[in-house]
Amino acid sequence: MFGYRGGESDEIVARKRGYMADAQQRWPFLTRFDVTTIHNEQQLATMVRDRSGRPKADADADVHAWMEGKLF
């Protein structure tokens, strides 16, 4: 999701890096390794839930709201 996939333009890579920094600011417990290994919204929500101890529905809603309008 945040990681470089190869063949992507500089613009896409810069956008993903911005999203990665934004995610780490919103959820400070996410490490750089964490965000580079997350491949989809559900993996992010699971990590947010596991690391923060929040209920599944709450973590899912938070991640879904954060992802709205973002192009990965």
PDB file of N, CA and C in Angstrom:
ATOM      1  N   MET A   1       0.827  -1.178   0.000  1.00  0.00           N
ATOM      2  CA  MET A   1       0.000   0.000   0.000  1.00  0.00           C
ATOM      3  C   MET A   1       0.878   1.252   0.000  1.00  0.00           C
ATOM      4  N   PHE A   2       1.764   1.359   0.984  1.00  0.00           N
ATOM      5  CA  PHE A   2       2.637   2.526   1.046  1.00  0.00           C
ATOM      6  C   PHE A   2       3.958   2.278   0.315  1.00  0.00           C
ATOM      7  N   GLY A   3       4.299   1.014   0.118  1.00  0.00           N
ATOM      8  CA  GLY A   3       5.604   0.655  -0.414  1.00  0.00           C
ATOM      9  C   GLY A   3       5.737   0.875  -1.910  1.00  0.00           C
ATOM     10  N   TYR A   4       6.961   0.949  -2.357  1.00  0.00           N
ATOM     11  CA  TYR A   4       7.294   1.111  -3.768  1.00  0.00           C
ATOM     12  C   TYR A   4       7.098  -0.225  -4.479  1.00  0.00           C
ATOM     13  N   ARG A   5       6.399  -0.221  -5.601  1.00  0.00           N
ATOM     14  CA  ARG A   5       6.101  -1.449  -6.329  1.00  0.00           C
ATOM     15  C   ARG A   5       6.938  -1.628  -7.588  1.00  0.00           C
ATOM     16  N   GLY A   6       7.688  -0.635  -7.943  1.00  0.00           N
ATOM     17  CA  GLY A   6       8.484  -0.720  -9.159  1.00  0.00           C
ATOM     18  C   GLY A   6       7.723  -0.174 -10.347  1.00  0.00           C
ATOM     19  N   GLY A   7       8.379   0.656 -11.124  1.00  0.00           N
ATOM     20  CA  GLY A   7       7.759   1.220 -12.300  1.00  0.00           C
ATOM     21  C   GLY A   7       6.802   2.371 -12.019  1.00  0.00           C
ATOM     22  N   GLU A   8       6.721   2.801 -10.782  1.00  0.00           N
ATOM     23  CA  GLU A   8       5.819   3.900 -10.434  1.00  0.00           C
ATOM     24  C   GLU A   8       6.515   5.236 -10.673  1.00  0.00           C
ATOM     25  N   SER A   9       5.733   6.219 -11.045  1.00  0.00           N
ATOM     26  CA  SER A   9       6.298   7.542 -11.316  1.00  0.00           C
ATOM     27  C   SER A   9       6.742   8.199 -10.013  1.00  0.00           C
ATOM     28  N   ASP A  10       7.576   9.206 -10.157  1.00  0.00           N
ATOM     29  CA  ASP A  10       8.047   9.951  -8.992  1.00  0.00           C
ATOM     30  C   ASP A  10       6.872  10.582  -8.239  1.00  0.00           C
ATOM     31  N   GLU A  11       5.862  10.989  -8.977  1.00  0.00           N
ATOM     32  CA  GLU A  11       4.680  11.607  -8.368  1.00  0.00           C
ATOM     33  C   GLU A  11       3.940  10.611  -7.460  1.00  0.00           C
ATOM     34  N   ILE A  12       3.781   9.384  -7.933  1.00  0.00           N
ATOM     35  CA  ILE A  12       3.095   8.352  -7.140  1.00  0.00           C
ATOM     36  C   ILE A  12       3.907   8.019  -5.898  1.00  0.00           C
ATOM     37  N   VAL A  13       5.202   7.867  -6.054  1.00  0.00           N
ATOM     38  CA  VAL A  13       6.075   7.557  -4.915  1.00  0.00           C
ATOM     39  C   VAL A  13       6.014   8.685  -3.883  1.00  0.00           C
ATOM     40  N   ALA A  14       6.049   9.917  -4.332  1.00  0.00           N
ATOM     41  CA  ALA A  14       5.968  11.059  -3.411  1.00  0.00           C
ATOM     42  C   ALA A  14       4.615  11.089  -2.695  1.00  0.00           C
ATOM     43  N   ARG A  15       3.544  10.795  -3.415  1.00  0.00           N
ATOM     44  CA  ARG A  15       2.223  10.768  -2.810  1.00  0.00           C
ATOM     45  C   ARG A  15       2.141   9.678  -1.739  1.00  0.00           C
ATOM     46  N   LYS A  16       2.669   8.489  -2.034  1.00  0.00           N
ATOM     47  CA  LYS A  16       2.654   7.395  -1.062  1.00  0.00           C
ATOM     48  C   LYS A  16       3.503   7.735   0.165  1.00  0.00           C
ATOM     49  N   ARG A  17       4.620   8.395  -0.036  1.00  0.00           N
ATOM     50  CA  ARG A  17       5.453   8.800   1.105  1.00  0.00           C
ATOM     51  C   ARG A  17       4.712   9.802   1.985  1.00  0.00           C
ATOM     52  N   GLY A  18       3.959  10.693   1.355  1.00  0.00           N
ATOM     53  CA  GLY A  18       3.154  11.641   2.113  1.00  0.00           C
ATOM     54  C   GLY A  18       2.074  10.930   2.918  1.00  0.00           C
ATOM     55  N   TYR A  19       1.425   9.946   2.297  1.00  0.00           N
ATOM     56  CA  TYR A  19       0.415   9.151   3.006  1.00  0.00           C
ATOM     57  C   TYR A  19       1.044   8.387   4.165  1.00  0.00           C
ATOM     58  N   MET A  20       2.238   7.858   3.928  1.00  0.00           N
ATOM     59  CA  MET A  20       2.926   7.102   4.973  1.00  0.00           C
ATOM     60  C   MET A  20       3.228   8.008   6.165  1.00  0.00           C
ATOM     61  N   ALA A  21       3.730   9.197   5.916  1.00  0.00           N
ATOM     62  CA  ALA A  21       4.025  10.142   6.995  1.00  0.00           C
ATOM     63  C   ALA A  21       2.742  10.546   7.712  1.00  0.00           C
ATOM     64  N   ASP A  22       1.678  10.743   6.957  1.00  0.00           N
ATOM     65  CA  ASP A  22       0.389  11.099   7.543  1.00  0.00           C
ATOM     66  C   ASP A  22      -0.134   9.975   8.446  1.00  0.00           C
ATOM     67  N   ALA A  23      -0.007   8.727   7.988  1.00  0.00           N
ATOM     68  CA  ALA A  23      -0.451   7.579   8.783  1.00  0.00           C
ATOM     69  C   ALA A  23       0.367   7.473  10.067  1.00  0.00           C
ATOM     70  N   GLN A  24       1.664   7.689   9.971  1.00  0.00           N
ATOM     71  CA  GLN A  24       2.517   7.604  11.158  1.00  0.00           C
ATOM     72  C   GLN A  24       2.229   8.744  12.136  1.00  0.00           C
ATOM     73  N   GLN A  25       1.795   9.867  11.635  1.00  0.00           N
ATOM     74  CA  GLN A  25       1.428  10.976  12.514  1.00  0.00           C
ATOM     75  C   GLN A  25       0.092  10.675  13.196  1.00  0.00           C
ATOM     76  N   ARG A  26      -0.834  10.112  12.455  1.00  0.00           N
ATOM     77  CA  ARG A  26      -2.152   9.800  13.021  1.00  0.00           C
ATOM     78  C   ARG A  26      -2.076   8.644  14.017  1.00  0.00           C
ATOM     79  N   TRP A  27      -1.240   7.650  13.699  1.00  0.00           N
ATOM     80  CA  TRP A  27      -1.052   6.486  14.576  1.00  0.00           C
ATOM     81  C   TRP A  27       0.446   6.359  14.870  1.00  0.00           C
ATOM     82  N   PRO A  28       0.933   7.067  15.885  1.00  0.00           N
ATOM     83  CA  PRO A  28       2.372   7.146  16.156  1.00  0.00           C
ATOM     84  C   PRO A  28       3.052   5.807  16.462  1.00  0.00           C
ATOM     85  N   PHE A  29       2.289   4.805  16.790  1.00  0.00           N
ATOM     86  CA  PHE A  29       2.878   3.493  17.095  1.00  0.00           C
ATOM     87  C   PHE A  29       3.284   2.731  15.842  1.00  0.00           C
ATOM     88  N   LEU A  30       2.926   3.211  14.661  1.00  0.00           N
ATOM     89  CA  LEU A  30       3.327   2.551  13.415  1.00  0.00           C
ATOM     90  C   LEU A  30       4.783   2.884  13.098  1.00  0.00           C
ATOM     91  N   THR A  31       5.581   1.861  12.922  1.00  0.00           N
ATOM     92  CA  THR A  31       6.984   2.071  12.557  1.00  0.00           C
ATOM     93  C   THR A  31       7.104   2.157  11.039  1.00  0.00           C
ATOM     94  N   ARG A  32       8.253   2.575  10.588  1.00  0.00           N
ATOM     95  CA  ARG A  32       8.499   2.620   9.137  1.00  0.00           C
ATOM     96  C   ARG A  32       8.363   1.215   8.545  1.00  0.00           C
ATOM     97  N   PHE A  33       8.882   0.218   9.247  1.00  0.00           N
ATOM     98  CA  PHE A  33       8.751  -1.162   8.780  1.00  0.00           C
ATOM     99  C   PHE A  33       7.282  -1.555   8.675  1.00  0.00           C
ATOM    100  N   ASP A  34       6.500  -1.200   9.700  1.00  0.00           N
ATOM    101  CA  ASP A  34       5.073  -1.517   9.681  1.00  0.00           C
ATOM    102  C   ASP A  34       4.412  -0.992   8.417  1.00  0.00           C
ATOM    103  N   VAL A  35       4.578   0.276   8.145  1.00  0.00           N
ATOM    104  CA  VAL A  35       3.869   0.875   7.016  1.00  0.00           C
ATOM    105  C   VAL A  35       4.365   0.377   5.666  1.00  0.00           C
ATOM    106  N   THR A  36       5.609  -0.060   5.592  1.00  0.00           N
ATOM    107  CA  THR A  36       6.096  -0.583   4.311  1.00  0.00           C
ATOM    108  C   THR A  36       5.646  -2.022   4.074  1.00  0.00           C
ATOM    109  N   THR A  37       5.149  -2.699   5.104  1.00  0.00           N
ATOM    110  CA  THR A  37       4.693  -4.077   4.929  1.00  0.00           C
ATOM    111  C   THR A  37       3.176  -4.186   4.814  1.00  0.00           C
ATOM    112  N   ILE A  38       2.459  -3.097   5.028  1.00  0.00           N
ATOM    113  CA  ILE A  38       1.001  -3.099   4.919  1.00  0.00           C
ATOM    114  C   ILE A  38       0.616  -3.017   3.447  1.00  0.00           C
ATOM    115  N   HIS A  39      -0.257  -3.933   3.020  1.00  0.00           N
ATOM    116  CA  HIS A  39      -0.639  -3.991   1.610  1.00  0.00           C
ATOM    117  C   HIS A  39      -2.051  -3.515   1.314  1.00  0.00           C
ATOM    118  N   ASN A  40      -2.899  -3.419   2.336  1.00  0.00           N
ATOM    119  CA  ASN A  40      -4.283  -3.011   2.076  1.00  0.00           C
ATOM    120  C   ASN A  40      -4.920  -2.397   3.321  1.00  0.00           C
ATOM    121  N   GLU A  41      -6.119  -1.896   3.138  1.00  0.00           N
ATOM    122  CA  GLU A  41      -6.842  -1.207   4.206  1.00  0.00           C
ATOM    123  C   GLU A  41      -7.083  -2.124   5.407  1.00  0.00           C
ATOM    124  N   GLN A  42      -7.431  -3.385   5.145  1.00  0.00           N
ATOM    125  CA  GLN A  42      -7.725  -4.308   6.245  1.00  0.00           C
ATOM    126  C   GLN A  42      -6.483  -4.586   7.086  1.00  0.00           C
ATOM    127  N   GLN A  43      -5.328  -4.716   6.455  1.00  0.00           N
ATOM    128  CA  GLN A  43      -4.093  -4.921   7.214  1.00  0.00           C
ATOM    129  C   GLN A  43      -3.792  -3.715   8.086  1.00  0.00           C
ATOM    130  N   LEU A  44      -4.013  -2.519   7.562  1.00  0.00           N
ATOM    131  CA  LEU A  44      -3.799  -1.308   8.351  1.00  0.00           C
ATOM    132  C   LEU A  44      -4.762  -1.275   9.534  1.00  0.00           C
ATOM    133  N   ALA A  45      -6.033  -1.575   9.285  1.00  0.00           N
ATOM    134  CA  ALA A  45      -7.022  -1.566  10.367  1.00  0.00           C
ATOM    135  C   ALA A  45      -6.686  -2.595  11.439  1.00  0.00           C
ATOM    136  N   THR A  46      -6.225  -3.762  11.030  1.00  0.00           N
ATOM    137  CA  THR A  46      -5.846  -4.800  11.998  1.00  0.00           C
ATOM    138  C   THR A  46      -4.664  -4.345  12.841  1.00  0.00           C
ATOM    139  N   MET A  47      -3.688  -3.720  12.216  1.00  0.00           N
ATOM    140  CA  MET A  47      -2.536  -3.235  12.963  1.00  0.00           C
ATOM    141  C   MET A  47      -2.939  -2.127  13.933  1.00  0.00           C
ATOM    142  N   VAL A  48      -3.787  -1.221  13.482  1.00  0.00           N
ATOM    143  CA  VAL A  48      -4.272  -0.147  14.360  1.00  0.00           C
ATOM    144  C   VAL A  48      -5.013  -0.764  15.546  1.00  0.00           C
ATOM    145  N   ARG A  49      -5.869  -1.722  15.281  1.00  0.00           N
ATOM    146  CA  ARG A  49      -6.626  -2.376  16.348  1.00  0.00           C
ATOM    147  C   ARG A  49      -5.699  -3.090  17.335  1.00  0.00           C
ATOM    148  N   ASP A  50      -4.767  -3.871  16.810  1.00  0.00           N
ATOM    149  CA  ASP A  50      -3.873  -4.651  17.676  1.00  0.00           C
ATOM    150  C   ASP A  50      -2.957  -3.769  18.507  1.00  0.00           C
ATOM    151  N   ARG A  51      -2.440  -2.723  17.909  1.00  0.00           N
ATOM    152  CA  ARG A  51      -1.484  -1.871  18.613  1.00  0.00           C
ATOM    153  C   ARG A  51      -2.137  -0.895  19.582  1.00  0.00           C
ATOM    154  N   SER A  52      -3.387  -0.511  19.294  1.00  0.00           N
ATOM    155  CA  SER A  52      -4.036   0.491  20.144  1.00  0.00           C
ATOM    156  C   SER A  52      -5.022  -0.116  21.137  1.00  0.00           C
ATOM    157  N   GLY A  53      -5.405  -1.368  20.903  1.00  0.00           N
ATOM    158  CA  GLY A  53      -6.361  -2.010  21.785  1.00  0.00           C
ATOM    159  C   GLY A  53      -7.789  -1.538  21.575  1.00  0.00           C
ATOM    160  N   ARG A  54      -8.032  -0.895  20.446  1.00  0.00           N
ATOM    161  CA  ARG A  54      -9.378  -0.391  20.148  1.00  0.00           C
ATOM    162  C   ARG A  54     -10.254  -1.516  19.600  1.00  0.00           C
ATOM    163  N   PRO A  55     -11.576  -1.392  19.750  1.00  0.00           N
ATOM    164  CA  PRO A  55     -12.485  -2.389  19.168  1.00  0.00           C
ATOM    165  C   PRO A  55     -12.350  -2.431  17.644  1.00  0.00           C
ATOM    166  N   LYS A  56     -12.623  -3.599  17.062  1.00  0.00           N
ATOM    167  CA  LYS A  56     -12.483  -3.784  15.616  1.00  0.00           C
ATOM    168  C   LYS A  56     -13.296  -2.760  14.831  1.00  0.00           C
ATOM    169  N   ALA A  57     -14.548  -2.570  15.199  1.00  0.00           N
ATOM    170  CA  ALA A  57     -15.410  -1.634  14.456  1.00  0.00           C
ATOM    171  C   ALA A  57     -14.862  -0.212  14.510  1.00  0.00           C
ATOM    172  N   ASP A  58     -14.330   0.183  15.654  1.00  0.00           N
ATOM    173  CA  ASP A  58     -13.770   1.522  15.825  1.00  0.00           C
ATOM    174  C   ASP A  58     -12.517   1.696  14.964  1.00  0.00           C
ATOM    175  N   ALA A  59     -11.615   0.719  15.003  1.00  0.00           N
ATOM    176  CA  ALA A  59     -10.387   0.793  14.202  1.00  0.00           C
ATOM    177  C   ALA A  59     -10.711   0.774  12.711  1.00  0.00           C
ATOM    178  N   ASP A  60     -11.643  -0.088  12.313  1.00  0.00           N
ATOM    179  CA  ASP A  60     -12.035  -0.166  10.904  1.00  0.00           C
ATOM    180  C   ASP A  60     -12.607   1.172  10.427  1.00  0.00           C
ATOM    181  N   ALA A  61     -13.471   1.770  11.232  1.00  0.00           N
ATOM    182  CA  ALA A  61     -14.086   3.049  10.855  1.00  0.00           C
ATOM    183  C   ALA A  61     -13.045   4.163  10.778  1.00  0.00           C
ATOM    184  N   ASP A  62     -12.106   4.176  11.719  1.00  0.00           N
ATOM    185  CA  ASP A  62     -11.059   5.197  11.736  1.00  0.00           C
ATOM    186  C   ASP A  62     -10.182   5.092  10.485  1.00  0.00           C
ATOM    187  N   VAL A  63      -9.759   3.887  10.176  1.00  0.00           N
ATOM    188  CA  VAL A  63      -8.906   3.681   8.992  1.00  0.00           C
ATOM    189  C   VAL A  63      -9.683   3.983   7.715  1.00  0.00           C
ATOM    190  N   HIS A  64     -10.928   3.547   7.647  1.00  0.00           N
ATOM    191  CA  HIS A  64     -11.733   3.805   6.452  1.00  0.00           C
ATOM    192  C   HIS A  64     -11.902   5.316   6.228  1.00  0.00           C
ATOM    193  N   ALA A  65     -12.181   6.043   7.301  1.00  0.00           N
ATOM    194  CA  ALA A  65     -12.334   7.508   7.190  1.00  0.00           C
ATOM    195  C   ALA A  65     -11.029   8.153   6.736  1.00  0.00           C
ATOM    196  N   TRP A  66      -9.901   7.666   7.246  1.00  0.00           N
ATOM    197  CA  TRP A  66      -8.589   8.220   6.865  1.00  0.00           C
ATOM    198  C   TRP A  66      -8.290   7.931   5.385  1.00  0.00           C
ATOM    199  N   MET A  67      -8.706   6.767   4.898  1.00  0.00           N
ATOM    200  CA  MET A  67      -8.376   6.370   3.530  1.00  0.00           C
ATOM    201  C   MET A  67      -9.249   7.033   2.469  1.00  0.00           C
ATOM    202  N   GLU A  68     -10.386   7.591   2.848  1.00  0.00           N
ATOM    203  CA  GLU A  68     -11.277   8.205   1.871  1.00  0.00           C
ATOM    204  C   GLU A  68     -10.567   9.280   1.060  1.00  0.00           C
ATOM    205  N   GLY A  69     -10.679   9.171  -0.239  1.00  0.00           N
ATOM    206  CA  GLY A  69     -10.107  10.152  -1.143  1.00  0.00           C
ATOM    207  C   GLY A  69      -8.636   9.958  -1.474  1.00  0.00           C
ATOM    208  N   LYS A  70      -8.007   8.958  -0.871  1.00  0.00           N
ATOM    209  CA  LYS A  70      -6.582   8.714  -1.136  1.00  0.00           C
ATOM    210  C   LYS A  70      -6.431   7.717  -2.280  1.00  0.00           C
ATOM    211  N   LEU A  71      -5.453   7.942  -3.127  1.00  0.00           N
ATOM    212  CA  LEU A  71      -5.172   7.050  -4.264  1.00  0.00           C
ATOM    213  C   LEU A  71      -3.877   6.316  -3.998  1.00  0.00           C
ATOM    214  N   PHE A  72      -3.974   5.008  -3.883  1.00  0.00           N
ATOM    215  CA  PHE A  72      -2.767   4.203  -3.626  1.00  0.00           C
ATOM    216  C   PHE A  72      -2.348   3.455  -4.856  1.00  0.00           C
TER     217      PHE A  72
END
